[in-house]
Amino acid sequence: MENVYYPRRKEFFAKVKELITDERCRTAIEVAYNLSKEVFRGKLRDDGERAFNHCKAVAWIIMTETGIRDQLRLTILIITALWHDVMEDTFTAQKKHLRFIFDQLNPDIAESAYELTKSKDKLKKWIRLLKSRRLPTKIVKAADRLHNQRTLLACKRAKIRRKNKETREIILPWLRAEPTNADILALADKIEEQTTLNERALKPK
């Protein structure tokens, strides 16, 4: 997993400071970072990494692997990335909680985080996501899936196969369908490349 990177807090906020000068936006990101870290405390992913580190890595991909530089748009995406797993994995289970915290900055944060939240009903999960025409939802999902694919080989072979199939048959076509943009398409290309590497790793040598 040579292309997987987890920035430390100091490095993360140095990048935020480099890209975003608006103090209100910086403060909102800091609030989102601290709350997300706290609600994920003690939770681990299947690969053994801290759950919060995944959210942070998704935000890092958005900052370092896209060309998005509009400060408000970038802030919305960073916060959504930091919170994209919160409603499904923690006590913050309702959209109204996110709206109460973040609507003063922009309603897209709560809406996109909700669209990215998995439902216990798999069909409802995919319907909710695939119906979305929000670019913030697509960008965060693309960064999320890219990081998941980069860390996938640490999981069991059955999950690797399932996620590769899901990526090719569902995620990539949705990302490349309208509406889309250059950043989403570039991330989709990276996802496809990583998925190919994952598939090759499962083949007998």
N, C-alpha and C. Protein backbone atom coordinates (compact mmCIF):
# COMPACT_ATOMS: atom_id res chain seq x y z
N MET A 1 0.84 -1.20 0.00
CA MET A 1 0.00 0.00 0.00
C MET A 1 0.88 1.25 0.00
N GLU A 2 1.75 1.32 -0.99
CA GLU A 2 2.72 2.41 -1.05
C GLU A 2 2.06 3.77 -1.29
N ASN A 3 0.90 3.78 -1.96
CA ASN A 3 0.25 5.05 -2.27
C ASN A 3 -0.81 5.45 -1.24
N VAL A 4 -0.81 4.80 -0.07
CA VAL A 4 -1.72 5.16 1.01
C VAL A 4 -0.97 6.05 2.00
N TYR A 5 -1.57 7.21 2.30
CA TYR A 5 -0.88 8.16 3.17
C TYR A 5 -1.86 8.71 4.20
N TYR A 6 -1.42 8.75 5.46
CA TYR A 6 -2.21 9.30 6.54
C TYR A 6 -1.46 10.48 7.15
N PRO A 7 -1.82 11.71 6.81
CA PRO A 7 -1.11 12.87 7.35
C PRO A 7 -1.37 13.04 8.85
N ARG A 8 -0.36 13.52 9.56
CA ARG A 8 -0.57 13.87 10.96
C ARG A 8 -1.35 15.18 11.02
N ARG A 9 -1.89 15.48 12.19
CA ARG A 9 -2.72 16.69 12.35
C ARG A 9 -1.99 17.96 11.90
N LYS A 10 -0.74 18.11 12.30
CA LYS A 10 0.01 19.32 11.96
C LYS A 10 0.13 19.48 10.45
N GLU A 11 0.43 18.38 9.76
CA GLU A 11 0.57 18.44 8.31
C GLU A 11 -0.78 18.71 7.65
N PHE A 12 -1.83 18.07 8.17
CA PHE A 12 -3.17 18.26 7.61
C PHE A 12 -3.57 19.73 7.65
N PHE A 13 -3.38 20.37 8.81
CA PHE A 13 -3.81 21.77 8.92
C PHE A 13 -2.83 22.74 8.26
N ALA A 14 -1.60 22.32 8.06
CA ALA A 14 -0.69 23.14 7.26
C ALA A 14 -1.18 23.20 5.82
N LYS A 15 -1.69 22.08 5.31
CA LYS A 15 -2.25 22.05 3.96
C LYS A 15 -3.53 22.87 3.89
N VAL A 16 -4.38 22.76 4.91
CA VAL A 16 -5.59 23.58 4.96
C VAL A 16 -5.22 25.06 4.92
N LYS A 17 -4.23 25.45 5.71
CA LYS A 17 -3.80 26.85 5.76
C LYS A 17 -3.25 27.31 4.42
N GLU A 18 -2.54 26.41 3.74
CA GLU A 18 -1.97 26.73 2.42
C GLU A 18 -3.07 26.99 1.38
N LEU A 19 -4.15 26.22 1.46
CA LEU A 19 -5.20 26.29 0.44
C LEU A 19 -6.33 27.24 0.78
N ILE A 20 -6.56 27.48 2.06
CA ILE A 20 -7.72 28.25 2.49
C ILE A 20 -7.29 29.38 3.41
N THR A 21 -7.60 30.61 3.01
CA THR A 21 -7.22 31.78 3.81
C THR A 21 -8.38 32.30 4.66
N ASP A 22 -9.60 31.97 4.29
CA ASP A 22 -10.77 32.45 5.01
C ASP A 22 -10.83 31.82 6.40
N GLU A 23 -10.81 32.65 7.43
CA GLU A 23 -10.74 32.16 8.81
C GLU A 23 -12.00 31.40 9.20
N ARG A 24 -13.14 31.82 8.69
CA ARG A 24 -14.39 31.12 9.00
C ARG A 24 -14.36 29.70 8.45
N CYS A 25 -13.86 29.55 7.25
CA CYS A 25 -13.76 28.22 6.64
C CYS A 25 -12.77 27.35 7.41
N ARG A 26 -11.62 27.92 7.78
CA ARG A 26 -10.63 27.15 8.54
C ARG A 26 -11.21 26.68 9.87
N THR A 27 -11.95 27.57 10.54
CA THR A 27 -12.54 27.21 11.83
C THR A 27 -13.55 26.08 11.67
N ALA A 28 -14.36 26.15 10.61
CA ALA A 28 -15.36 25.10 10.36
C ALA A 28 -14.67 23.76 10.14
N ILE A 29 -13.56 23.75 9.40
CA ILE A 29 -12.82 22.51 9.16
C ILE A 29 -12.26 21.97 10.47
N GLU A 30 -11.74 22.86 11.31
CA GLU A 30 -11.18 22.41 12.59
C GLU A 30 -12.26 21.80 13.48
N VAL A 31 -13.43 22.42 13.50
CA VAL A 31 -14.55 21.87 14.28
C VAL A 31 -14.92 20.49 13.75
N ALA A 32 -15.04 20.36 12.43
CA ALA A 32 -15.40 19.07 11.82
C ALA A 32 -14.35 18.02 12.12
N TYR A 33 -13.09 18.38 12.03
CA TYR A 33 -11.98 17.45 12.29
C TYR A 33 -12.04 16.95 13.74
N ASN A 34 -12.17 17.87 14.68
CA ASN A 34 -12.15 17.50 16.10
C ASN A 34 -13.35 16.64 16.48
N LEU A 35 -14.54 16.99 15.97
CA LEU A 35 -15.74 16.22 16.30
C LEU A 35 -15.69 14.84 15.67
N SER A 36 -15.25 14.76 14.43
CA SER A 36 -15.14 13.47 13.76
C SER A 36 -14.15 12.56 14.47
N LYS A 37 -13.02 13.11 14.85
CA LYS A 37 -12.01 12.32 15.57
C LYS A 37 -12.58 11.79 16.89
N GLU A 38 -13.35 12.62 17.56
CA GLU A 38 -13.90 12.21 18.86
C GLU A 38 -14.95 11.12 18.70
N VAL A 39 -15.86 11.26 17.74
CA VAL A 39 -16.94 10.27 17.63
C VAL A 39 -16.42 8.93 17.11
N PHE A 40 -15.27 8.94 16.43
CA PHE A 40 -14.69 7.69 15.93
C PHE A 40 -13.67 7.09 16.90
N ARG A 41 -13.50 7.71 18.05
CA ARG A 41 -12.48 7.24 18.99
C ARG A 41 -12.68 5.75 19.32
N GLY A 42 -11.62 4.97 19.15
CA GLY A 42 -11.66 3.55 19.47
C GLY A 42 -12.19 2.65 18.36
N LYS A 43 -12.66 3.23 17.26
CA LYS A 43 -13.20 2.42 16.17
C LYS A 43 -12.13 2.12 15.14
N LEU A 44 -12.10 0.86 14.67
CA LEU A 44 -11.11 0.42 13.69
C LEU A 44 -11.79 -0.08 12.43
N ARG A 45 -11.08 0.00 11.32
CA ARG A 45 -11.55 -0.54 10.04
C ARG A 45 -11.11 -2.00 9.88
N ASP A 46 -11.59 -2.63 8.82
CA ASP A 46 -11.23 -4.03 8.58
C ASP A 46 -9.73 -4.23 8.40
N ASP A 47 -9.05 -3.21 7.90
CA ASP A 47 -7.60 -3.34 7.69
C ASP A 47 -6.80 -3.02 8.95
N GLY A 48 -7.49 -2.75 10.07
CA GLY A 48 -6.82 -2.47 11.33
C GLY A 48 -6.50 -1.01 11.57
N GLU A 49 -6.72 -0.16 10.57
CA GLU A 49 -6.43 1.27 10.70
C GLU A 49 -7.57 1.95 11.46
N ARG A 50 -7.26 3.04 12.15
CA ARG A 50 -8.29 3.80 12.86
C ARG A 50 -9.32 4.33 11.88
N ALA A 51 -10.60 4.26 12.24
CA ALA A 51 -11.67 4.70 11.35
C ALA A 51 -11.52 6.17 11.00
N PHE A 52 -11.14 6.99 11.97
CA PHE A 52 -10.99 8.42 11.69
C PHE A 52 -9.91 8.67 10.65
N ASN A 53 -8.86 7.87 10.66
CA ASN A 53 -7.78 8.07 9.70
C ASN A 53 -8.26 7.91 8.26
N HIS A 54 -9.25 7.04 8.05
CA HIS A 54 -9.82 6.91 6.71
C HIS A 54 -10.49 8.21 6.29
N CYS A 55 -11.31 8.78 7.16
CA CYS A 55 -11.99 10.05 6.83
C CYS A 55 -10.97 11.15 6.56
N LYS A 56 -9.93 11.19 7.37
CA LYS A 56 -8.87 12.19 7.17
C LYS A 56 -8.16 11.97 5.85
N ALA A 57 -7.92 10.71 5.49
CA ALA A 57 -7.24 10.39 4.24
C ALA A 57 -8.09 10.79 3.03
N VAL A 58 -9.41 10.62 3.14
CA VAL A 58 -10.30 11.04 2.05
C VAL A 58 -10.23 12.55 1.86
N ALA A 59 -10.24 13.29 2.95
CA ALA A 59 -10.10 14.74 2.86
C ALA A 59 -8.75 15.12 2.27
N TRP A 60 -7.70 14.38 2.63
CA TRP A 60 -6.36 14.64 2.11
C TRP A 60 -6.30 14.42 0.59
N ILE A 61 -6.95 13.37 0.12
CA ILE A 61 -7.01 13.12 -1.33
C ILE A 61 -7.66 14.30 -2.04
N ILE A 62 -8.73 14.82 -1.47
CA ILE A 62 -9.42 15.96 -2.08
C ILE A 62 -8.50 17.18 -2.13
N MET A 63 -7.71 17.39 -1.09
CA MET A 63 -6.81 18.55 -1.07
C MET A 63 -5.61 18.38 -1.98
N THR A 64 -5.12 17.16 -2.15
CA THR A 64 -3.85 16.95 -2.83
C THR A 64 -3.95 16.29 -4.20
N GLU A 65 -5.09 15.68 -4.51
CA GLU A 65 -5.21 14.96 -5.78
C GLU A 65 -6.34 15.48 -6.67
N THR A 66 -6.85 16.67 -6.35
CA THR A 66 -7.80 17.35 -7.23
C THR A 66 -7.28 18.77 -7.46
N GLY A 67 -7.87 19.43 -8.43
CA GLY A 67 -7.48 20.81 -8.73
C GLY A 67 -8.44 21.82 -8.14
N ILE A 68 -9.26 21.41 -7.18
CA ILE A 68 -10.27 22.31 -6.60
C ILE A 68 -9.60 23.34 -5.70
N ARG A 69 -9.81 24.62 -6.01
CA ARG A 69 -9.17 25.68 -5.24
C ARG A 69 -10.13 26.77 -4.79
N ASP A 70 -11.39 26.72 -5.21
CA ASP A 70 -12.39 27.64 -4.66
C ASP A 70 -12.52 27.35 -3.16
N GLN A 71 -12.34 28.37 -2.33
CA GLN A 71 -12.19 28.13 -0.90
C GLN A 71 -13.45 27.58 -0.24
N LEU A 72 -14.62 28.12 -0.58
CA LEU A 72 -15.85 27.62 0.03
C LEU A 72 -16.14 26.21 -0.46
N ARG A 73 -15.98 25.99 -1.75
CA ARG A 73 -16.23 24.65 -2.31
C ARG A 73 -15.29 23.62 -1.69
N LEU A 74 -14.02 23.99 -1.55
CA LEU A 74 -13.05 23.07 -0.96
C LEU A 74 -13.37 22.80 0.50
N THR A 75 -13.80 23.82 1.22
CA THR A 75 -14.18 23.65 2.62
C THR A 75 -15.35 22.69 2.76
N ILE A 76 -16.37 22.85 1.90
CA ILE A 76 -17.52 21.94 1.92
C ILE A 76 -17.08 20.50 1.70
N LEU A 77 -16.17 20.29 0.75
CA LEU A 77 -15.71 18.94 0.42
C LEU A 77 -14.87 18.34 1.55
N ILE A 78 -14.01 19.13 2.16
CA ILE A 78 -13.17 18.63 3.26
C ILE A 78 -14.03 18.22 4.44
N ILE A 79 -15.00 19.06 4.80
CA ILE A 79 -15.87 18.75 5.93
C ILE A 79 -16.73 17.53 5.63
N THR A 80 -17.26 17.45 4.42
CA THR A 80 -18.07 16.29 4.04
C THR A 80 -17.23 15.02 4.10
N ALA A 81 -15.98 15.10 3.65
CA ALA A 81 -15.08 13.94 3.72
C ALA A 81 -14.84 13.52 5.16
N LEU A 82 -14.61 14.48 6.03
CA LEU A 82 -14.36 14.17 7.44
C LEU A 82 -15.58 13.56 8.12
N TRP A 83 -16.77 13.85 7.59
CA TRP A 83 -18.01 13.39 8.22
C TRP A 83 -18.77 12.36 7.40
N HIS A 84 -18.19 11.85 6.30
CA HIS A 84 -19.00 11.03 5.40
C HIS A 84 -19.39 9.67 5.99
N ASP A 85 -18.69 9.21 7.01
CA ASP A 85 -19.04 7.92 7.65
C ASP A 85 -19.69 8.09 9.02
N VAL A 86 -19.86 9.33 9.45
CA VAL A 86 -20.29 9.57 10.83
C VAL A 86 -21.70 9.04 11.10
N MET A 87 -22.64 9.31 10.19
CA MET A 87 -24.03 8.92 10.47
C MET A 87 -24.23 7.42 10.49
N GLU A 88 -23.43 6.67 9.71
CA GLU A 88 -23.63 5.22 9.68
C GLU A 88 -22.84 4.49 10.76
N ASP A 89 -21.77 5.11 11.26
CA ASP A 89 -20.87 4.39 12.16
C ASP A 89 -20.88 4.89 13.61
N THR A 90 -21.61 5.99 13.90
CA THR A 90 -21.57 6.55 15.24
C THR A 90 -22.96 6.93 15.70
N PHE A 91 -23.02 7.53 16.88
CA PHE A 91 -24.31 7.91 17.47
C PHE A 91 -24.98 9.03 16.70
N THR A 92 -24.24 9.78 15.90
CA THR A 92 -24.82 10.90 15.14
C THR A 92 -25.55 10.32 13.95
N ALA A 93 -26.79 9.86 14.16
CA ALA A 93 -27.46 9.01 13.18
C ALA A 93 -28.45 9.76 12.30
N GLN A 94 -28.64 11.05 12.51
CA GLN A 94 -29.66 11.76 11.75
C GLN A 94 -29.09 12.99 11.06
N LYS A 95 -29.65 13.26 9.90
CA LYS A 95 -29.19 14.41 9.12
C LYS A 95 -29.38 15.72 9.87
N LYS A 96 -30.41 15.79 10.72
CA LYS A 96 -30.69 17.05 11.42
C LYS A 96 -29.52 17.47 12.31
N HIS A 97 -28.75 16.49 12.82
CA HIS A 97 -27.60 16.84 13.66
C HIS A 97 -26.54 17.58 12.84
N LEU A 98 -26.28 17.07 11.63
CA LEU A 98 -25.30 17.72 10.77
C LEU A 98 -25.80 19.08 10.30
N ARG A 99 -27.11 19.16 10.04
CA ARG A 99 -27.66 20.44 9.59
C ARG A 99 -27.53 21.49 10.70
N PHE A 100 -27.77 21.06 11.94
CA PHE A 100 -27.66 21.99 13.06
C PHE A 100 -26.23 22.54 13.18
N ILE A 101 -25.24 21.66 12.93
CA ILE A 101 -23.85 22.06 13.08
C ILE A 101 -23.34 22.86 11.89
N PHE A 102 -23.69 22.43 10.66
CA PHE A 102 -23.00 22.96 9.48
C PHE A 102 -23.83 23.78 8.51
N ASP A 103 -25.15 23.87 8.69
CA ASP A 103 -25.95 24.62 7.72
C ASP A 103 -25.61 26.10 7.68
N GLN A 104 -25.09 26.64 8.77
CA GLN A 104 -24.71 28.05 8.75
C GLN A 104 -23.58 28.32 7.77
N LEU A 105 -22.80 27.27 7.47
CA LEU A 105 -21.75 27.41 6.46
C LEU A 105 -22.29 27.10 5.08
N ASN A 106 -22.91 25.90 4.92
CA ASN A 106 -23.50 25.53 3.64
C ASN A 106 -24.32 24.25 3.80
N PRO A 107 -25.58 24.23 3.31
CA PRO A 107 -26.44 23.04 3.45
C PRO A 107 -25.92 21.83 2.68
N ASP A 108 -25.04 22.02 1.70
CA ASP A 108 -24.52 20.89 0.92
C ASP A 108 -23.79 19.87 1.79
N ILE A 109 -23.24 20.31 2.92
CA ILE A 109 -22.47 19.40 3.77
C ILE A 109 -23.37 18.30 4.31
N ALA A 110 -24.47 18.68 4.94
CA ALA A 110 -25.39 17.68 5.52
C ALA A 110 -26.03 16.84 4.43
N GLU A 111 -26.42 17.47 3.33
CA GLU A 111 -27.09 16.74 2.26
C GLU A 111 -26.17 15.69 1.65
N SER A 112 -24.93 16.06 1.37
CA SER A 112 -24.00 15.11 0.76
C SER A 112 -23.59 14.02 1.74
N ALA A 113 -23.39 14.39 3.00
CA ALA A 113 -23.04 13.38 4.00
C ALA A 113 -24.17 12.36 4.14
N TYR A 114 -25.41 12.84 4.06
CA TYR A 114 -26.56 11.93 4.13
C TYR A 114 -26.59 11.00 2.91
N GLU A 115 -26.35 11.53 1.73
CA GLU A 115 -26.37 10.71 0.52
C GLU A 115 -25.26 9.66 0.53
N LEU A 116 -24.18 9.95 1.21
CA LEU A 116 -23.05 9.02 1.29
C LEU A 116 -23.21 7.99 2.40
N THR A 117 -24.25 8.13 3.22
CA THR A 117 -24.45 7.22 4.35
C THR A 117 -25.08 5.92 3.89
N LYS A 118 -24.49 4.81 4.31
CA LYS A 118 -25.04 3.50 3.95
C LYS A 118 -26.32 3.22 4.74
N SER A 119 -27.24 2.57 4.08
CA SER A 119 -28.46 2.09 4.73
C SER A 119 -28.30 0.60 5.04
N LYS A 120 -28.99 0.13 6.07
CA LYS A 120 -28.97 -1.31 6.37
C LYS A 120 -29.55 -2.10 5.20
N ASP A 121 -30.48 -1.47 4.48
CA ASP A 121 -31.05 -2.06 3.28
C ASP A 121 -30.13 -1.70 2.11
N LYS A 122 -29.43 -2.70 1.55
CA LYS A 122 -28.44 -2.43 0.50
C LYS A 122 -29.06 -1.78 -0.72
N LEU A 123 -30.28 -2.17 -1.08
CA LEU A 123 -30.93 -1.57 -2.24
C LEU A 123 -31.18 -0.09 -2.02
N LYS A 124 -31.68 0.25 -0.82
CA LYS A 124 -31.92 1.66 -0.50
C LYS A 124 -30.62 2.45 -0.51
N LYS A 125 -29.55 1.82 -0.04
CA LYS A 125 -28.24 2.48 -0.02
C LYS A 125 -27.85 2.91 -1.43
N TRP A 126 -27.94 1.98 -2.37
CA TRP A 126 -27.52 2.29 -3.73
C TRP A 126 -28.48 3.24 -4.42
N ILE A 127 -29.78 3.11 -4.16
CA ILE A 127 -30.75 4.03 -4.76
C ILE A 127 -30.47 5.45 -4.31
N ARG A 128 -30.22 5.63 -3.02
CA ARG A 128 -29.95 6.97 -2.48
C ARG A 128 -28.71 7.57 -3.12
N LEU A 129 -27.66 6.77 -3.24
CA LEU A 129 -26.42 7.28 -3.80
C LEU A 129 -26.53 7.54 -5.29
N LEU A 130 -27.06 6.57 -6.03
CA LEU A 130 -27.07 6.67 -7.48
C LEU A 130 -28.07 7.71 -7.99
N LYS A 131 -29.04 8.08 -7.16
CA LYS A 131 -29.97 9.16 -7.53
C LYS A 131 -29.34 10.54 -7.38
N SER A 132 -28.24 10.60 -6.64
CA SER A 132 -27.64 11.90 -6.36
C SER A 132 -27.04 12.51 -7.62
N ARG A 133 -27.32 13.80 -7.80
CA ARG A 133 -26.72 14.56 -8.89
C ARG A 133 -25.86 15.69 -8.34
N ARG A 134 -25.51 15.58 -7.07
CA ARG A 134 -24.68 16.60 -6.42
C ARG A 134 -23.21 16.33 -6.71
N LEU A 135 -22.50 17.32 -7.22
CA LEU A 135 -21.08 17.14 -7.48
C LEU A 135 -20.29 16.92 -6.18
N PRO A 136 -20.62 17.61 -5.08
CA PRO A 136 -19.88 17.32 -3.83
C PRO A 136 -19.99 15.86 -3.41
N THR A 137 -21.18 15.27 -3.57
CA THR A 137 -21.37 13.86 -3.23
C THR A 137 -20.48 12.98 -4.09
N LYS A 138 -20.44 13.27 -5.38
CA LYS A 138 -19.64 12.46 -6.30
C LYS A 138 -18.14 12.59 -6.02
N ILE A 139 -17.69 13.79 -5.74
CA ILE A 139 -16.26 14.00 -5.49
C ILE A 139 -15.83 13.28 -4.22
N VAL A 140 -16.61 13.42 -3.15
CA VAL A 140 -16.24 12.76 -1.89
C VAL A 140 -16.33 11.25 -2.04
N LYS A 141 -17.35 10.76 -2.75
CA LYS A 141 -17.46 9.31 -2.95
C LYS A 141 -16.29 8.79 -3.77
N ALA A 142 -15.86 9.57 -4.77
CA ALA A 142 -14.71 9.17 -5.59
C ALA A 142 -13.44 9.08 -4.74
N ALA A 143 -13.21 10.07 -3.89
CA ALA A 143 -12.03 10.04 -3.01
C ALA A 143 -12.13 8.92 -2.00
N ASP A 144 -13.33 8.69 -1.49
CA ASP A 144 -13.58 7.60 -0.55
C ASP A 144 -13.29 6.25 -1.18
N ARG A 145 -13.82 6.02 -2.38
CA ARG A 145 -13.60 4.74 -3.04
C ARG A 145 -12.14 4.57 -3.44
N LEU A 146 -11.48 5.65 -3.82
CA LEU A 146 -10.05 5.55 -4.17
C LEU A 146 -9.25 5.09 -2.96
N HIS A 147 -9.51 5.68 -1.80
CA HIS A 147 -8.78 5.27 -0.61
C HIS A 147 -9.13 3.83 -0.22
N ASN A 148 -10.42 3.47 -0.34
CA ASN A 148 -10.82 2.11 -0.02
C ASN A 148 -10.14 1.09 -0.93
N GLN A 149 -10.04 1.40 -2.21
CA GLN A 149 -9.39 0.49 -3.14
C GLN A 149 -7.89 0.39 -2.87
N ARG A 150 -7.30 1.48 -2.46
CA ARG A 150 -5.86 1.47 -2.14
C ARG A 150 -5.54 0.65 -0.91
N THR A 151 -6.50 0.51 -0.01
CA THR A 151 -6.27 -0.25 1.22
C THR A 151 -6.92 -1.63 1.18
N LEU A 152 -7.54 -1.98 0.07
CA LEU A 152 -8.37 -3.18 -0.01
C LEU A 152 -7.59 -4.48 0.15
N LEU A 153 -6.35 -4.51 -0.27
CA LEU A 153 -5.60 -5.77 -0.23
C LEU A 153 -5.29 -6.24 1.18
N ALA A 154 -5.56 -5.40 2.17
CA ALA A 154 -5.40 -5.82 3.57
C ALA A 154 -6.62 -6.60 4.05
N CYS A 155 -7.66 -6.68 3.22
CA CYS A 155 -8.90 -7.37 3.60
C CYS A 155 -8.92 -8.81 3.08
N LYS A 156 -9.95 -9.54 3.44
CA LYS A 156 -10.09 -10.92 3.00
C LYS A 156 -10.38 -10.97 1.50
N ARG A 157 -10.00 -12.08 0.87
CA ARG A 157 -10.11 -12.21 -0.58
C ARG A 157 -11.56 -12.05 -1.07
N ALA A 158 -12.51 -12.56 -0.31
CA ALA A 158 -13.91 -12.45 -0.71
C ALA A 158 -14.34 -10.98 -0.77
N LYS A 159 -13.90 -10.20 0.20
CA LYS A 159 -14.25 -8.78 0.20
C LYS A 159 -13.54 -8.06 -0.95
N ILE A 160 -12.31 -8.42 -1.23
CA ILE A 160 -11.58 -7.79 -2.33
C ILE A 160 -12.34 -8.01 -3.64
N ARG A 161 -12.75 -9.25 -3.87
CA ARG A 161 -13.50 -9.55 -5.10
C ARG A 161 -14.82 -8.77 -5.16
N ARG A 162 -15.52 -8.75 -4.02
CA ARG A 162 -16.82 -8.06 -3.99
C ARG A 162 -16.67 -6.57 -4.24
N LYS A 163 -15.69 -5.95 -3.62
CA LYS A 163 -15.49 -4.52 -3.79
C LYS A 163 -14.98 -4.16 -5.18
N ASN A 164 -14.14 -5.01 -5.75
CA ASN A 164 -13.68 -4.77 -7.12
C ASN A 164 -14.87 -4.82 -8.08
N LYS A 165 -15.73 -5.82 -7.92
CA LYS A 165 -16.91 -5.96 -8.78
C LYS A 165 -17.85 -4.78 -8.61
N GLU A 166 -18.09 -4.39 -7.38
CA GLU A 166 -18.94 -3.26 -7.06
C GLU A 166 -18.39 -1.97 -7.69
N THR A 167 -17.08 -1.82 -7.62
CA THR A 167 -16.45 -0.62 -8.17
C THR A 167 -16.63 -0.55 -9.67
N ARG A 168 -16.39 -1.65 -10.36
CA ARG A 168 -16.49 -1.65 -11.82
C ARG A 168 -17.93 -1.54 -12.31
N GLU A 169 -18.85 -2.22 -11.63
CA GLU A 169 -20.22 -2.30 -12.15
C GLU A 169 -21.13 -1.17 -11.68
N ILE A 170 -20.80 -0.57 -10.54
CA ILE A 170 -21.69 0.45 -9.99
C ILE A 170 -21.02 1.81 -9.85
N ILE A 171 -19.90 1.85 -9.13
CA ILE A 171 -19.30 3.13 -8.78
C ILE A 171 -18.73 3.86 -9.99
N LEU A 172 -17.90 3.19 -10.78
CA LEU A 172 -17.27 3.87 -11.92
C LEU A 172 -18.28 4.38 -12.96
N PRO A 173 -19.28 3.59 -13.35
CA PRO A 173 -20.27 4.14 -14.29
C PRO A 173 -21.00 5.35 -13.74
N TRP A 174 -21.33 5.33 -12.44
CA TRP A 174 -22.01 6.48 -11.82
C TRP A 174 -21.12 7.71 -11.80
N LEU A 175 -19.86 7.54 -11.46
CA LEU A 175 -18.95 8.69 -11.42
C LEU A 175 -18.76 9.31 -12.79
N ARG A 176 -18.78 8.50 -13.82
CA ARG A 176 -18.52 8.99 -15.18
C ARG A 176 -19.78 9.48 -15.89
N ALA A 177 -20.93 9.27 -15.28
CA ALA A 177 -22.19 9.74 -15.86
C ALA A 177 -22.41 11.21 -15.49
N GLU A 178 -23.20 11.89 -16.29
CA GLU A 178 -23.52 13.29 -15.99
C GLU A 178 -24.41 13.37 -14.74
N PRO A 179 -24.24 14.43 -13.92
CA PRO A 179 -23.22 15.47 -14.05
C PRO A 179 -21.87 14.99 -13.52
N THR A 180 -20.82 15.45 -14.17
CA THR A 180 -19.48 15.11 -13.71
C THR A 180 -18.55 16.27 -14.05
N ASN A 181 -17.29 16.15 -13.70
CA ASN A 181 -16.32 17.19 -14.06
C ASN A 181 -14.93 16.56 -14.13
N ALA A 182 -13.93 17.39 -14.45
CA ALA A 182 -12.58 16.87 -14.66
C ALA A 182 -12.00 16.22 -13.41
N ASP A 183 -12.30 16.77 -12.24
CA ASP A 183 -11.76 16.20 -11.00
C ASP A 183 -12.36 14.83 -10.72
N ILE A 184 -13.66 14.68 -10.92
CA ILE A 184 -14.31 13.38 -10.72
C ILE A 184 -13.77 12.36 -11.70
N LEU A 185 -13.62 12.75 -12.96
CA LEU A 185 -13.13 11.82 -13.97
C LEU A 185 -11.69 11.41 -13.71
N ALA A 186 -10.88 12.34 -13.23
CA ALA A 186 -9.48 12.01 -12.90
C ALA A 186 -9.41 11.02 -11.74
N LEU A 187 -10.24 11.24 -10.73
CA LEU A 187 -10.29 10.30 -9.61
C LEU A 187 -10.82 8.94 -10.07
N ALA A 188 -11.81 8.95 -10.96
CA ALA A 188 -12.35 7.69 -11.48
C ALA A 188 -11.26 6.89 -12.20
N ASP A 189 -10.41 7.58 -12.96
CA ASP A 189 -9.32 6.89 -13.65
C ASP A 189 -8.36 6.24 -12.65
N LYS A 190 -8.08 6.95 -11.56
CA LYS A 190 -7.20 6.39 -10.53
C LYS A 190 -7.85 5.19 -9.84
N ILE A 191 -9.16 5.28 -9.63
CA ILE A 191 -9.88 4.16 -9.02
C ILE A 191 -9.80 2.93 -9.93
N GLU A 192 -10.02 3.14 -11.21
CA GLU A 192 -9.97 2.03 -12.15
C GLU A 192 -8.58 1.40 -12.20
N GLU A 193 -7.55 2.24 -12.19
CA GLU A 193 -6.18 1.73 -12.19
C GLU A 193 -5.90 0.90 -10.95
N GLN A 194 -6.34 1.39 -9.78
CA GLN A 194 -6.11 0.65 -8.54
C GLN A 194 -6.92 -0.64 -8.51
N THR A 195 -8.12 -0.61 -9.05
CA THR A 195 -8.95 -1.81 -9.10
C THR A 195 -8.28 -2.88 -9.96
N THR A 196 -7.68 -2.47 -11.06
CA THR A 196 -6.94 -3.41 -11.91
C THR A 196 -5.79 -4.04 -11.15
N LEU A 197 -5.07 -3.23 -10.38
CA LEU A 197 -3.95 -3.75 -9.56
C LEU A 197 -4.47 -4.74 -8.53
N ASN A 198 -5.60 -4.44 -7.93
CA ASN A 198 -6.18 -5.34 -6.93
C ASN A 198 -6.58 -6.68 -7.56
N GLU A 199 -7.13 -6.60 -8.75
CA GLU A 199 -7.54 -7.82 -9.44
C GLU A 199 -6.33 -8.68 -9.80
N ARG A 200 -5.28 -8.04 -10.24
CA ARG A 200 -4.05 -8.78 -10.58
C ARG A 200 -3.44 -9.45 -9.35
N ALA A 201 -3.56 -8.79 -8.20
CA ALA A 201 -2.98 -9.34 -6.98
C ALA A 201 -3.66 -10.63 -6.54
N LEU A 202 -4.90 -10.84 -6.99
CA LEU A 202 -5.63 -12.06 -6.61
C LEU A 202 -5.31 -13.24 -7.54
N LYS A 203 -4.71 -12.95 -8.67
CA LYS A 203 -4.42 -14.02 -9.62
C LYS A 203 -3.26 -14.87 -9.13
N PRO A 204 -3.32 -16.18 -9.34
CA PRO A 204 -2.21 -17.06 -8.94
C PRO A 204 -0.93 -16.68 -9.68
N LYS A 205 0.19 -16.75 -8.99
CA LYS A 205 1.46 -16.38 -9.61
C LYS A 205 2.19 -17.62 -10.11
